[in-house]
Amino acid sequence: MAFPGLLNYWFVVILMMIGFFIVIAHGNLVKKIVGLNVFQISVFLFYITMGKVDGGSAPILAEGIEVYSNPLPHVLILTAIVVGVATTALGLALVVRINESYGTIEEDEIGAMEDDA
């Protein structure tokens, strides 16, 4: 059975479901941002896992090396991490503004205030 070889994929799926559950189950806006970050990290791990080749080395031409790993997924993940940090900062800044306007960051309380207005 090839279960140990698939362990990283199970880890990715579990992290993805945990992040999705946090986003769906919680009404607190900061917790939703944390859930989105957990989901995002699972996608990062998936891409990094796909980029690894067993027995592969860095793509530098040298004698005796026949199998190379593709560096593109790792480069894409570095870019995605920077974008993720920026979007998290923007989301948290929006949560601060919502808190200043409504006095709460709970989704249901904000919805009730909007219905009363």
PDB file of N, CA and C in Angstrom:
ATOM      1  N   MET A   1       0.842  -1.183   0.000  1.00  0.00           N
ATOM      2  CA  MET A   1       0.000   0.000   0.000  1.00  0.00           C
ATOM      3  C   MET A   1       0.890   1.250   0.000  1.00  0.00           C
ATOM      4  N   ALA A   2       0.501   2.229  -0.781  1.00  0.00           N
ATOM      5  CA  ALA A   2       1.318   3.441  -0.945  1.00  0.00           C
ATOM      6  C   ALA A   2       0.833   4.574  -0.049  1.00  0.00           C
ATOM      7  N   PHE A   3       0.290   4.242   1.102  1.00  0.00           N
ATOM      8  CA  PHE A   3      -0.241   5.280   1.989  1.00  0.00           C
ATOM      9  C   PHE A   3       0.818   6.275   2.448  1.00  0.00           C
ATOM     10  N   PRO A   4       2.029   5.837   2.860  1.00  0.00           N
ATOM     11  CA  PRO A   4       3.023   6.839   3.286  1.00  0.00           C
ATOM     12  C   PRO A   4       3.373   7.834   2.185  1.00  0.00           C
ATOM     13  N   GLY A   5       3.321   7.407   0.944  1.00  0.00           N
ATOM     14  CA  GLY A   5       3.615   8.315  -0.162  1.00  0.00           C
ATOM     15  C   GLY A   5       2.527   9.348  -0.369  1.00  0.00           C
ATOM     16  N   LEU A   6       1.317   9.043   0.081  1.00  0.00           N
ATOM     17  CA  LEU A   6       0.190   9.956  -0.081  1.00  0.00           C
ATOM     18  C   LEU A   6      -0.099  10.772   1.181  1.00  0.00           C
ATOM     19  N   LEU A   7       0.729  10.622   2.185  1.00  0.00           N
ATOM     20  CA  LEU A   7       0.490  11.284   3.462  1.00  0.00           C
ATOM     21  C   LEU A   7       0.453  12.802   3.322  1.00  0.00           C
ATOM     22  N   ASN A   8       1.321  13.348   2.505  1.00  0.00           N
ATOM     23  CA  ASN A   8       1.332  14.802   2.332  1.00  0.00           C
ATOM     24  C   ASN A   8       0.046  15.301   1.676  1.00  0.00           C
ATOM     25  N   TYR A   9      -0.545  14.504   0.783  1.00  0.00           N
ATOM     26  CA  TYR A   9      -1.805  14.902   0.158  1.00  0.00           C
ATOM     27  C   TYR A   9      -2.946  14.866   1.170  1.00  0.00           C
ATOM     28  N   TRP A  10      -2.934  13.875   2.052  1.00  0.00           N
ATOM     29  CA  TRP A  10      -3.939  13.823   3.114  1.00  0.00           C
ATOM     30  C   TRP A  10      -3.803  15.038   4.019  1.00  0.00           C
ATOM     31  N   PHE A  11      -2.579  15.410   4.309  1.00  0.00           N
ATOM     32  CA  PHE A  11      -2.336  16.585   5.149  1.00  0.00           C
ATOM     33  C   PHE A  11      -2.882  17.839   4.478  1.00  0.00           C
ATOM     34  N   VAL A  12      -2.691  17.962   3.178  1.00  0.00           N
ATOM     35  CA  VAL A  12      -3.203  19.111   2.426  1.00  0.00           C
ATOM     36  C   VAL A  12      -4.727  19.144   2.485  1.00  0.00           C
ATOM     37  N   VAL A  13      -5.371  17.999   2.269  1.00  0.00           N
ATOM     38  CA  VAL A  13      -6.836  17.946   2.278  1.00  0.00           C
ATOM     39  C   VAL A  13      -7.375  18.269   3.667  1.00  0.00           C
ATOM     40  N   ILE A  14      -6.734  17.752   4.712  1.00  0.00           N
ATOM     41  CA  ILE A  14      -7.189  18.029   6.076  1.00  0.00           C
ATOM     42  C   ILE A  14      -7.050  19.521   6.396  1.00  0.00           C
ATOM     43  N   LEU A  15      -5.916  20.111   6.041  1.00  0.00           N
ATOM     44  CA  LEU A  15      -5.741  21.551   6.260  1.00  0.00           C
ATOM     45  C   LEU A  15      -6.772  22.366   5.482  1.00  0.00           C
ATOM     46  N   MET A  16      -7.047  21.939   4.254  1.00  0.00           N
ATOM     47  CA  MET A  16      -8.014  22.643   3.426  1.00  0.00           C
ATOM     48  C   MET A  16      -9.404  22.606   4.062  1.00  0.00           C
ATOM     49  N   MET A  17      -9.796  21.449   4.564  1.00  0.00           N
ATOM     50  CA  MET A  17     -11.113  21.321   5.192  1.00  0.00           C
ATOM     51  C   MET A  17     -11.184  22.084   6.514  1.00  0.00           C
ATOM     52  N   ILE A  18     -10.085  22.122   7.262  1.00  0.00           N
ATOM     53  CA  ILE A  18     -10.064  22.899   8.502  1.00  0.00           C
ATOM     54  C   ILE A  18     -10.257  24.384   8.192  1.00  0.00           C
ATOM     55  N   GLY A  19      -9.536  24.888   7.203  1.00  0.00           N
ATOM     56  CA  GLY A  19      -9.683  26.289   6.811  1.00  0.00           C
ATOM     57  C   GLY A  19     -11.080  26.598   6.316  1.00  0.00           C
ATOM     58  N   PHE A  20     -11.651  25.694   5.522  1.00  0.00           N
ATOM     59  CA  PHE A  20     -13.006  25.886   5.005  1.00  0.00           C
ATOM     60  C   PHE A  20     -14.021  25.885   6.143  1.00  0.00           C
ATOM     61  N   PHE A  21     -13.843  24.988   7.104  1.00  0.00           N
ATOM     62  CA  PHE A  21     -14.749  24.926   8.252  1.00  0.00           C
ATOM     63  C   PHE A  21     -14.681  26.208   9.078  1.00  0.00           C
ATOM     64  N   ILE A  22     -13.474  26.727   9.272  1.00  0.00           N
ATOM     65  CA  ILE A  22     -13.337  27.962  10.048  1.00  0.00           C
ATOM     66  C   ILE A  22     -14.068  29.111   9.357  1.00  0.00           C
ATOM     67  N   VAL A  23     -13.962  29.191   8.051  1.00  0.00           N
ATOM     68  CA  VAL A  23     -14.627  30.267   7.315  1.00  0.00           C
ATOM     69  C   VAL A  23     -16.142  30.125   7.411  1.00  0.00           C
ATOM     70  N   ILE A  24     -16.657  28.906   7.291  1.00  0.00           N
ATOM     71  CA  ILE A  24     -18.100  28.689   7.287  1.00  0.00           C
ATOM     72  C   ILE A  24     -18.694  28.781   8.692  1.00  0.00           C
ATOM     73  N   ALA A  25     -18.021  28.240   9.691  1.00  0.00           N
ATOM     74  CA  ALA A  25     -18.616  28.068  11.017  1.00  0.00           C
ATOM     75  C   ALA A  25     -18.562  29.306  11.896  1.00  0.00           C
ATOM     76  N   HIS A  26     -17.633  30.197  11.675  1.00  0.00           N
ATOM     77  CA  HIS A  26     -17.454  31.327  12.581  1.00  0.00           C
ATOM     78  C   HIS A  26     -17.988  32.615  11.967  1.00  0.00           C
ATOM     79  N   GLY A  27     -18.585  33.446  12.810  1.00  0.00           N
ATOM     80  CA  GLY A  27     -19.104  34.726  12.356  1.00  0.00           C
ATOM     81  C   GLY A  27     -18.151  35.875  12.611  1.00  0.00           C
ATOM     82  N   ASN A  28     -17.090  35.633  13.359  1.00  0.00           N
ATOM     83  CA  ASN A  28     -16.100  36.659  13.654  1.00  0.00           C
ATOM     84  C   ASN A  28     -15.246  36.888  12.409  1.00  0.00           C
ATOM     85  N   LEU A  29     -15.110  38.133  12.000  1.00  0.00           N
ATOM     86  CA  LEU A  29     -14.408  38.431  10.748  1.00  0.00           C
ATOM     87  C   LEU A  29     -12.917  38.108  10.818  1.00  0.00           C
ATOM     88  N   VAL A  30     -12.297  38.287  11.989  1.00  0.00           N
ATOM     89  CA  VAL A  30     -10.876  37.946  12.122  1.00  0.00           C
ATOM     90  C   VAL A  30     -10.690  36.433  12.005  1.00  0.00           C
ATOM     91  N   LYS A  31     -11.592  35.665  12.587  1.00  0.00           N
ATOM     92  CA  LYS A  31     -11.502  34.201  12.468  1.00  0.00           C
ATOM     93  C   LYS A  31     -11.695  33.761  11.026  1.00  0.00           C
ATOM     94  N   LYS A  32     -12.534  34.458  10.284  1.00  0.00           N
ATOM     95  CA  LYS A  32     -12.706  34.136   8.869  1.00  0.00           C
ATOM     96  C   LYS A  32     -11.412  34.384   8.089  1.00  0.00           C
ATOM     97  N   ILE A  33     -10.715  35.456   8.410  1.00  0.00           N
ATOM     98  CA  ILE A  33      -9.438  35.738   7.743  1.00  0.00           C
ATOM     99  C   ILE A  33      -8.408  34.667   8.095  1.00  0.00           C
ATOM    100  N   VAL A  34      -8.393  34.233   9.354  1.00  0.00           N
ATOM    101  CA  VAL A  34      -7.483  33.149   9.753  1.00  0.00           C
ATOM    102  C   VAL A  34      -7.829  31.870   8.992  1.00  0.00           C
ATOM    103  N   GLY A  35      -9.116  31.566   8.849  1.00  0.00           N
ATOM    104  CA  GLY A  35      -9.535  30.382   8.091  1.00  0.00           C
ATOM    105  C   GLY A  35      -9.097  30.456   6.639  1.00  0.00           C
ATOM    106  N   LEU A  36      -9.217  31.624   6.036  1.00  0.00           N
ATOM    107  CA  LEU A  36      -8.754  31.791   4.656  1.00  0.00           C
ATOM    108  C   LEU A  36      -7.242  31.593   4.549  1.00  0.00           C
ATOM    109  N   ASN A  37      -6.503  32.033   5.568  1.00  0.00           N
ATOM    110  CA  ASN A  37      -5.055  31.838   5.556  1.00  0.00           C
ATOM    111  C   ASN A  37      -4.691  30.362   5.697  1.00  0.00           C
ATOM    112  N   VAL A  38      -5.412  29.627   6.531  1.00  0.00           N
ATOM    113  CA  VAL A  38      -5.162  28.184   6.659  1.00  0.00           C
ATOM    114  C   VAL A  38      -5.443  27.497   5.328  1.00  0.00           C
ATOM    115  N   PHE A  39      -6.535  27.861   4.684  1.00  0.00           N
ATOM    116  CA  PHE A  39      -6.870  27.303   3.369  1.00  0.00           C
ATOM    117  C   PHE A  39      -5.772  27.629   2.355  1.00  0.00           C
ATOM    118  N   GLN A  40      -5.287  28.858   2.392  1.00  0.00           N
ATOM    119  CA  GLN A  40      -4.238  29.292   1.474  1.00  0.00           C
ATOM    120  C   GLN A  40      -2.944  28.505   1.700  1.00  0.00           C
ATOM    121  N   ILE A  41      -2.598  28.258   2.946  1.00  0.00           N
ATOM    122  CA  ILE A  41      -1.394  27.491   3.254  1.00  0.00           C
ATOM    123  C   ILE A  41      -1.511  26.065   2.724  1.00  0.00           C
ATOM    124  N   SER A  42      -2.714  25.506   2.768  1.00  0.00           N
ATOM    125  CA  SER A  42      -2.885  24.154   2.230  1.00  0.00           C
ATOM    126  C   SER A  42      -2.630  24.135   0.719  1.00  0.00           C
ATOM    127  N   VAL A  43      -3.032  25.180   0.036  1.00  0.00           N
ATOM    128  CA  VAL A  43      -2.760  25.266  -1.405  1.00  0.00           C
ATOM    129  C   VAL A  43      -1.257  25.410  -1.656  1.00  0.00           C
ATOM    130  N   PHE A  44      -0.581  26.197  -0.817  1.00  0.00           N
ATOM    131  CA  PHE A  44       0.870  26.335  -0.947  1.00  0.00           C
ATOM    132  C   PHE A  44       1.548  24.974  -0.791  1.00  0.00           C
ATOM    133  N   LEU A  45       1.153  24.231   0.227  1.00  0.00           N
ATOM    134  CA  LEU A  45       1.746  22.909   0.450  1.00  0.00           C
ATOM    135  C   LEU A  45       1.477  21.970  -0.717  1.00  0.00           C
ATOM    136  N   PHE A  46       0.294  22.081  -1.302  1.00  0.00           N
ATOM    137  CA  PHE A  46      -0.030  21.236  -2.455  1.00  0.00           C
ATOM    138  C   PHE A  46       0.903  21.527  -3.623  1.00  0.00           C
ATOM    139  N   TYR A  47       1.108  22.797  -3.934  1.00  0.00           N
ATOM    140  CA  TYR A  47       1.993  23.149  -5.046  1.00  0.00           C
ATOM    141  C   TYR A  47       3.439  22.734  -4.764  1.00  0.00           C
ATOM    142  N   ILE A  48       3.897  22.926  -3.547  1.00  0.00           N
ATOM    143  CA  ILE A  48       5.262  22.533  -3.208  1.00  0.00           C
ATOM    144  C   ILE A  48       5.416  21.020  -3.313  1.00  0.00           C
ATOM    145  N   THR A  49       4.401  20.278  -2.873  1.00  0.00           N
ATOM    146  CA  THR A  49       4.429  18.815  -2.969  1.00  0.00           C
ATOM    147  C   THR A  49       4.485  18.372  -4.425  1.00  0.00           C
ATOM    148  N   MET A  50       3.729  19.044  -5.279  1.00  0.00           N
ATOM    149  CA  MET A  50       3.718  18.671  -6.697  1.00  0.00           C
ATOM    150  C   MET A  50       5.053  18.978  -7.378  1.00  0.00           C
ATOM    151  N   GLY A  51       5.777  19.974  -6.874  1.00  0.00           N
ATOM    152  CA  GLY A  51       7.034  20.372  -7.494  1.00  0.00           C
ATOM    153  C   GLY A  51       8.212  19.484  -7.128  1.00  0.00           C
ATOM    154  N   LYS A  52       8.065  18.629  -6.122  1.00  0.00           N
ATOM    155  CA  LYS A  52       9.174  17.772  -5.684  1.00  0.00           C
ATOM    156  C   LYS A  52       9.229  16.505  -6.524  1.00  0.00           C
ATOM    157  N   VAL A  53      10.417  16.199  -6.998  1.00  0.00           N
ATOM    158  CA  VAL A  53      10.662  14.988  -7.774  1.00  0.00           C
ATOM    159  C   VAL A  53      11.612  14.104  -6.972  1.00  0.00           C
ATOM    160  N   ASP A  54      11.242  12.844  -6.774  1.00  0.00           N
ATOM    161  CA  ASP A  54      12.112  11.927  -6.033  1.00  0.00           C
ATOM    162  C   ASP A  54      13.444  11.754  -6.754  1.00  0.00           C
ATOM    163  N   GLY A  55      14.502  12.018  -6.039  1.00  0.00           N
ATOM    164  CA  GLY A  55      15.836  11.872  -6.610  1.00  0.00           C
ATOM    165  C   GLY A  55      16.247  13.026  -7.503  1.00  0.00           C
ATOM    166  N   GLY A  56      15.413  14.040  -7.616  1.00  0.00           N
ATOM    167  CA  GLY A  56      15.723  15.172  -8.475  1.00  0.00           C
ATOM    168  C   GLY A  56      16.635  16.166  -7.774  1.00  0.00           C
ATOM    169  N   SER A  57      17.436  16.843  -8.563  1.00  0.00           N
ATOM    170  CA  SER A  57      18.329  17.856  -7.993  1.00  0.00           C
ATOM    171  C   SER A  57      17.968  19.211  -8.594  1.00  0.00           C
ATOM    172  N   ALA A  58      18.664  20.225  -8.150  1.00  0.00           N
ATOM    173  CA  ALA A  58      18.450  21.568  -8.676  1.00  0.00           C
ATOM    174  C   ALA A  58      18.752  21.578 -10.173  1.00  0.00           C
ATOM    175  N   PRO A  59      18.052  22.402 -10.939  1.00  0.00           N
ATOM    176  CA  PRO A  59      18.257  22.414 -12.387  1.00  0.00           C
ATOM    177  C   PRO A  59      19.547  23.120 -12.801  1.00  0.00           C
ATOM    178  N   ILE A  60      20.665  22.544 -12.374  1.00  0.00           N
ATOM    179  CA  ILE A  60      21.977  23.054 -12.738  1.00  0.00           C
ATOM    180  C   ILE A  60      22.669  21.951 -13.526  1.00  0.00           C
ATOM    181  N   LEU A  61      23.118  22.273 -14.716  1.00  0.00           N
ATOM    182  CA  LEU A  61      23.751  21.258 -15.558  1.00  0.00           C
ATOM    183  C   LEU A  61      25.078  20.838 -14.962  1.00  0.00           C
ATOM    184  N   ALA A  62      25.188  19.540 -14.692  1.00  0.00           N
ATOM    185  CA  ALA A  62      26.422  18.976 -14.149  1.00  0.00           C
ATOM    186  C   ALA A  62      26.500  17.525 -14.582  1.00  0.00           C
ATOM    187  N   GLU A  63      27.694  16.988 -14.516  1.00  0.00           N
ATOM    188  CA  GLU A  63      27.879  15.597 -14.908  1.00  0.00           C
ATOM    189  C   GLU A  63      27.236  14.654 -13.911  1.00  0.00           C
ATOM    190  N   GLY A  64      26.611  13.611 -14.412  1.00  0.00           N
ATOM    191  CA  GLY A  64      26.038  12.582 -13.563  1.00  0.00           C
ATOM    192  C   GLY A  64      24.640  12.867 -13.060  1.00  0.00           C
ATOM    193  N   ILE A  65      24.120  14.033 -13.319  1.00  0.00           N
ATOM    194  CA  ILE A  65      22.761  14.358 -12.878  1.00  0.00           C
ATOM    195  C   ILE A  65      21.823  14.185 -14.061  1.00  0.00           C
ATOM    196  N   GLU A  66      20.835  13.325 -13.868  1.00  0.00           N
ATOM    197  CA  GLU A  66      19.895  13.044 -14.947  1.00  0.00           C
ATOM    198  C   GLU A  66      18.476  13.500 -14.638  1.00  0.00           C
ATOM    199  N   VAL A  67      18.130  13.609 -13.355  1.00  0.00           N
ATOM    200  CA  VAL A  67      16.771  13.968 -12.965  1.00  0.00           C
ATOM    201  C   VAL A  67      16.805  15.325 -12.281  1.00  0.00           C
ATOM    202  N   TYR A  68      15.981  16.219 -12.782  1.00  0.00           N
ATOM    203  CA  TYR A  68      15.931  17.567 -12.242  1.00  0.00           C
ATOM    204  C   TYR A  68      14.542  17.849 -11.667  1.00  0.00           C
ATOM    205  N   SER A  69      14.504  18.664 -10.611  1.00  0.00           N
ATOM    206  CA  SER A  69      13.239  19.153 -10.068  1.00  0.00           C
ATOM    207  C   SER A  69      12.905  20.480 -10.723  1.00  0.00           C
ATOM    208  N   ASN A  70      11.630  20.703 -10.945  1.00  0.00           N
ATOM    209  CA  ASN A  70      11.181  21.944 -11.555  1.00  0.00           C
ATOM    210  C   ASN A  70      11.103  23.041 -10.487  1.00  0.00           C
ATOM    211  N   PRO A  71      11.816  24.147 -10.643  1.00  0.00           N
ATOM    212  CA  PRO A  71      11.777  25.205  -9.632  1.00  0.00           C
ATOM    213  C   PRO A  71      10.572  26.137  -9.763  1.00  0.00           C
ATOM    214  N   LEU A  72       9.806  26.030 -10.833  1.00  0.00           N
ATOM    215  CA  LEU A  72       8.706  26.956 -11.067  1.00  0.00           C
ATOM    216  C   LEU A  72       7.643  26.940  -9.963  1.00  0.00           C
ATOM    217  N   PRO A  73       7.200  25.774  -9.462  1.00  0.00           N
ATOM    218  CA  PRO A  73       6.203  25.818  -8.376  1.00  0.00           C
ATOM    219  C   PRO A  73       6.704  26.549  -7.132  1.00  0.00           C
ATOM    220  N   HIS A  74       7.974  26.421  -6.815  1.00  0.00           N
ATOM    221  CA  HIS A  74       8.521  27.091  -5.637  1.00  0.00           C
ATOM    222  C   HIS A  74       8.557  28.607  -5.836  1.00  0.00           C
ATOM    223  N   VAL A  75       8.883  29.035  -7.040  1.00  0.00           N
ATOM    224  CA  VAL A  75       8.904  30.462  -7.348  1.00  0.00           C
ATOM    225  C   VAL A  75       7.489  31.027  -7.298  1.00  0.00           C
ATOM    226  N   LEU A  76       6.526  30.275  -7.821  1.00  0.00           N
ATOM    227  CA  LEU A  76       5.136  30.728  -7.779  1.00  0.00           C
ATOM    228  C   LEU A  76       4.635  30.844  -6.340  1.00  0.00           C
ATOM    229  N   ILE A  77       5.059  29.941  -5.487  1.00  0.00           N
ATOM    230  CA  ILE A  77       4.632  29.975  -4.098  1.00  0.00           C
ATOM    231  C   ILE A  77       5.241  31.186  -3.382  1.00  0.00           C
ATOM    232  N   LEU A  78       6.484  31.522  -3.680  1.00  0.00           N
ATOM    233  CA  LEU A  78       7.070  32.723  -3.083  1.00  0.00           C
ATOM    234  C   LEU A  78       6.256  33.961  -3.446  1.00  0.00           C
ATOM    235  N   THR A  79       5.834  34.051  -4.697  1.00  0.00           N
ATOM    236  CA  THR A  79       4.999  35.165  -5.122  1.00  0.00           C
ATOM    237  C   THR A  79       3.644  35.119  -4.425  1.00  0.00           C
ATOM    238  N   ALA A  80       3.070  33.926  -4.307  1.00  0.00           N
ATOM    239  CA  ALA A  80       1.763  33.776  -3.667  1.00  0.00           C
ATOM    240  C   ALA A  80       1.822  34.128  -2.182  1.00  0.00           C
ATOM    241  N   ILE A  81       2.938  33.847  -1.530  1.00  0.00           N
ATOM    242  CA  ILE A  81       3.080  34.207  -0.118  1.00  0.00           C
ATOM    243  C   ILE A  81       3.059  35.721   0.043  1.00  0.00           C
ATOM    244  N   VAL A  82       3.745  36.424  -0.833  1.00  0.00           N
ATOM    245  CA  VAL A  82       3.757  37.889  -0.770  1.00  0.00           C
ATOM    246  C   VAL A  82       2.353  38.439  -1.010  1.00  0.00           C
ATOM    247  N   VAL A  83       1.661  37.905  -1.998  1.00  0.00           N
ATOM    248  CA  VAL A  83       0.294  38.346  -2.275  1.00  0.00           C
ATOM    249  C   VAL A  83      -0.618  38.007  -1.097  1.00  0.00           C
ATOM    250  N   GLY A  84      -0.430  36.828  -0.487  1.00  0.00           N
ATOM    251  CA  GLY A  84      -1.233  36.429   0.661  1.00  0.00           C
ATOM    252  C   GLY A  84      -1.050  37.346   1.851  1.00  0.00           C
ATOM    253  N   VAL A  85       0.175  37.755   2.108  1.00  0.00           N
ATOM    254  CA  VAL A  85       0.428  38.684   3.218  1.00  0.00           C
ATOM    255  C   VAL A  85      -0.242  40.029   2.937  1.00  0.00           C
ATOM    256  N   ALA A  86      -0.173  40.473   1.702  1.00  0.00           N
ATOM    257  CA  ALA A  86      -0.791  41.755   1.346  1.00  0.00           C
ATOM    258  C   ALA A  86      -2.311  41.690   1.469  1.00  0.00           C
ATOM    259  N   THR A  87      -2.926  40.616   1.006  1.00  0.00           N
ATOM    260  CA  THR A  87      -4.380  40.510   1.102  1.00  0.00           C
ATOM    261  C   THR A  87      -4.827  40.326   2.553  1.00  0.00           C
ATOM    262  N   THR A  88      -4.024  39.641   3.357  1.00  0.00           N
ATOM    263  CA  THR A  88      -4.349  39.519   4.785  1.00  0.00           C
ATOM    264  C   THR A  88      -4.289  40.879   5.469  1.00  0.00           C
ATOM    265  N   ALA A  89      -3.279  41.665   5.144  1.00  0.00           N
ATOM    266  CA  ALA A  89      -3.172  43.011   5.714  1.00  0.00           C
ATOM    267  C   ALA A  89      -4.359  43.871   5.287  1.00  0.00           C
ATOM    268  N   LEU A  90      -4.764  43.773   4.040  1.00  0.00           N
ATOM    269  CA  LEU A  90      -5.923  44.528   3.565  1.00  0.00           C
ATOM    270  C   LEU A  90      -7.185  44.069   4.280  1.00  0.00           C
ATOM    271  N   GLY A  91      -7.360  42.767   4.427  1.00  0.00           N
ATOM    272  CA  GLY A  91      -8.534  42.244   5.122  1.00  0.00           C
ATOM    273  C   GLY A  91      -8.591  42.702   6.563  1.00  0.00           C
ATOM    274  N   LEU A  92      -7.464  42.676   7.247  1.00  0.00           N
ATOM    275  CA  LEU A  92      -7.436  43.129   8.637  1.00  0.00           C
ATOM    276  C   LEU A  92      -7.690  44.634   8.741  1.00  0.00           C
ATOM    277  N   ALA A  93      -7.197  45.394   7.772  1.00  0.00           N
ATOM    278  CA  ALA A  93      -7.478  46.830   7.760  1.00  0.00           C
ATOM    279  C   ALA A  93      -8.967  47.089   7.556  1.00  0.00           C
ATOM    280  N   LEU A  94      -9.602  46.298   6.712  1.00  0.00           N
ATOM    281  CA  LEU A  94     -11.046  46.433   6.525  1.00  0.00           C
ATOM    282  C   LEU A  94     -11.810  46.059   7.786  1.00  0.00           C
ATOM    283  N   VAL A  95     -11.340  45.042   8.492  1.00  0.00           N
ATOM    284  CA  VAL A  95     -11.977  44.655   9.755  1.00  0.00           C
ATOM    285  C   VAL A  95     -11.872  45.779  10.769  1.00  0.00           C
ATOM    286  N   VAL A  96     -10.733  46.461  10.824  1.00  0.00           N
ATOM    287  CA  VAL A  96     -10.577  47.600  11.734  1.00  0.00           C
ATOM    288  C   VAL A  96     -11.572  48.698  11.374  1.00  0.00           C
ATOM    289  N   ARG A  97     -11.726  48.990  10.096  1.00  0.00           N
ATOM    290  CA  ARG A  97     -12.680  50.026   9.664  1.00  0.00           C
ATOM    291  C   ARG A  97     -14.117  49.615   9.969  1.00  0.00           C
ATOM    292  N   ILE A  98     -14.447  48.348   9.779  1.00  0.00           N
ATOM    293  CA  ILE A  98     -15.787  47.855  10.106  1.00  0.00           C
ATOM    294  C   ILE A  98     -16.035  47.986  11.599  1.00  0.00           C
ATOM    295  N   ASN A  99     -15.031  47.663  12.398  1.00  0.00           N
ATOM    296  CA  ASN A  99     -15.163  47.786  13.851  1.00  0.00           C
ATOM    297  C   ASN A  99     -15.371  49.244  14.262  1.00  0.00           C
ATOM    298  N   GLU A 100     -14.692  50.169  13.598  1.00  0.00           N
ATOM    299  CA  GLU A 100     -14.879  51.593  13.896  1.00  0.00           C
ATOM    300  C   GLU A 100     -16.281  52.063  13.513  1.00  0.00           C
ATOM    301  N   SER A 101     -16.810  51.532  12.427  1.00  0.00           N
ATOM    302  CA  SER A 101     -18.127  51.966  11.951  1.00  0.00           C
ATOM    303  C   SER A 101     -19.272  51.340  12.732  1.00  0.00           C
ATOM    304  N   TYR A 102     -19.178  50.039  13.020  1.00  0.00           N
ATOM    305  CA  TYR A 102     -20.284  49.311  13.625  1.00  0.00           C
ATOM    306  C   TYR A 102     -20.062  48.979  15.102  1.00  0.00           C
ATOM    307  N   GLY A 103     -18.843  49.062  15.577  1.00  0.00           N
ATOM    308  CA  GLY A 103     -18.561  48.726  16.961  1.00  0.00           C
ATOM    309  C   GLY A 103     -18.474  47.246  17.237  1.00  0.00           C
ATOM    310  N   THR A 104     -18.458  46.420  16.204  1.00  0.00           N
ATOM    311  CA  THR A 104     -18.356  44.971  16.358  1.00  0.00           C
ATOM    312  C   THR A 104     -17.738  44.364  15.102  1.00  0.00           C
ATOM    313  N   ILE A 105     -17.215  43.150  15.248  1.00  0.00           N
ATOM    314  CA  ILE A 105     -16.698  42.426  14.079  1.00  0.00           C
ATOM    315  C   ILE A 105     -17.423  41.092  13.914  1.00  0.00           C
ATOM    316  N   GLU A 106     -18.572  40.952  14.587  1.00  0.00           N
ATOM    317  CA  GLU A 106     -19.389  39.753  14.442  1.00  0.00           C
ATOM    318  C   GLU A 106     -20.342  39.943  13.264  1.00  0.00           C
ATOM    319  N   GLU A 107     -20.338  38.969  12.365  1.00  0.00           N
ATOM    320  CA  GLU A 107     -21.098  39.067  11.132  1.00  0.00           C
ATOM    321  C   GLU A 107     -22.609  39.200  11.373  1.00  0.00           C
ATOM    322  N   ASP A 108     -23.154  38.434  12.309  1.00  0.00           N
ATOM    323  CA  ASP A 108     -24.595  38.481  12.548  1.00  0.00           C
ATOM    324  C   ASP A 108     -25.033  39.801  13.175  1.00  0.00           C
ATOM    325  N   GLU A 109     -24.217  40.381  14.041  1.00  0.00           N
ATOM    326  CA  GLU A 109     -24.547  41.676  14.640  1.00  0.00           C
ATOM    327  C   GLU A 109     -24.518  42.790  13.595  1.00  0.00           C
ATOM    328  N   ILE A 110     -23.563  42.735  12.676  1.00  0.00           N
ATOM    329  CA  ILE A 110     -23.480  43.722  11.606  1.00  0.00           C
ATOM    330  C   ILE A 110     -24.707  43.600  10.701  1.00  0.00           C
ATOM    331  N   GLY A 111     -25.101  42.368  10.384  1.00  0.00           N
ATOM    332  CA  GLY A 111     -26.290  42.144   9.567  1.00  0.00           C
ATOM    333  C   GLY A 111     -27.555  42.648  10.236  1.00  0.00           C
ATOM    334  N   ALA A 112     -27.660  42.470  11.556  1.00  0.00           N
ATOM    335  CA  ALA A 112     -28.829  42.962  12.291  1.00  0.00           C
ATOM    336  C   ALA A 112     -28.868  44.482  12.267  1.00  0.00           C
ATOM    337  N   MET A 113     -27.701  45.116  12.375  1.00  0.00           N
ATOM    338  CA  MET A 113     -27.656  46.585  12.323  1.00  0.00           C
ATOM    339  C   MET A 113     -28.069  47.090  10.949  1.00  0.00           C
ATOM    340  N   GLU A 114     -27.661  46.384   9.917  1.00  0.00           N
ATOM    341  CA  GLU A 114     -28.015  46.780   8.548  1.00  0.00           C
ATOM    342  C   GLU A 114     -29.512  46.592   8.304  1.00  0.00           C
ATOM    343  N   ASP A 115     -30.120  45.552   8.878  1.00  0.00           N
ATOM    344  CA  ASP A 115     -31.550  45.314   8.710  1.00  0.00           C
ATOM    345  C   ASP A 115     -32.377  46.368   9.428  1.00  0.00           C
ATOM    346  N   ASP A 116     -31.890  46.853  10.576  1.00  0.00           N
ATOM    347  CA  ASP A 116     -32.613  47.874  11.329  1.00  0.00           C
ATOM    348  C   ASP A 116     -32.554  49.233  10.649  1.00  0.00           C
ATOM    349  N   ALA A 117     -31.515  49.478   9.886  1.00  0.00           N
ATOM    350  CA  ALA A 117     -31.346  50.794   9.255  1.00  0.00           C
ATOM    351  C   ALA A 117     -32.202  50.986   8.047  1.00  0.00           C
TER     352      ALA A 117
END
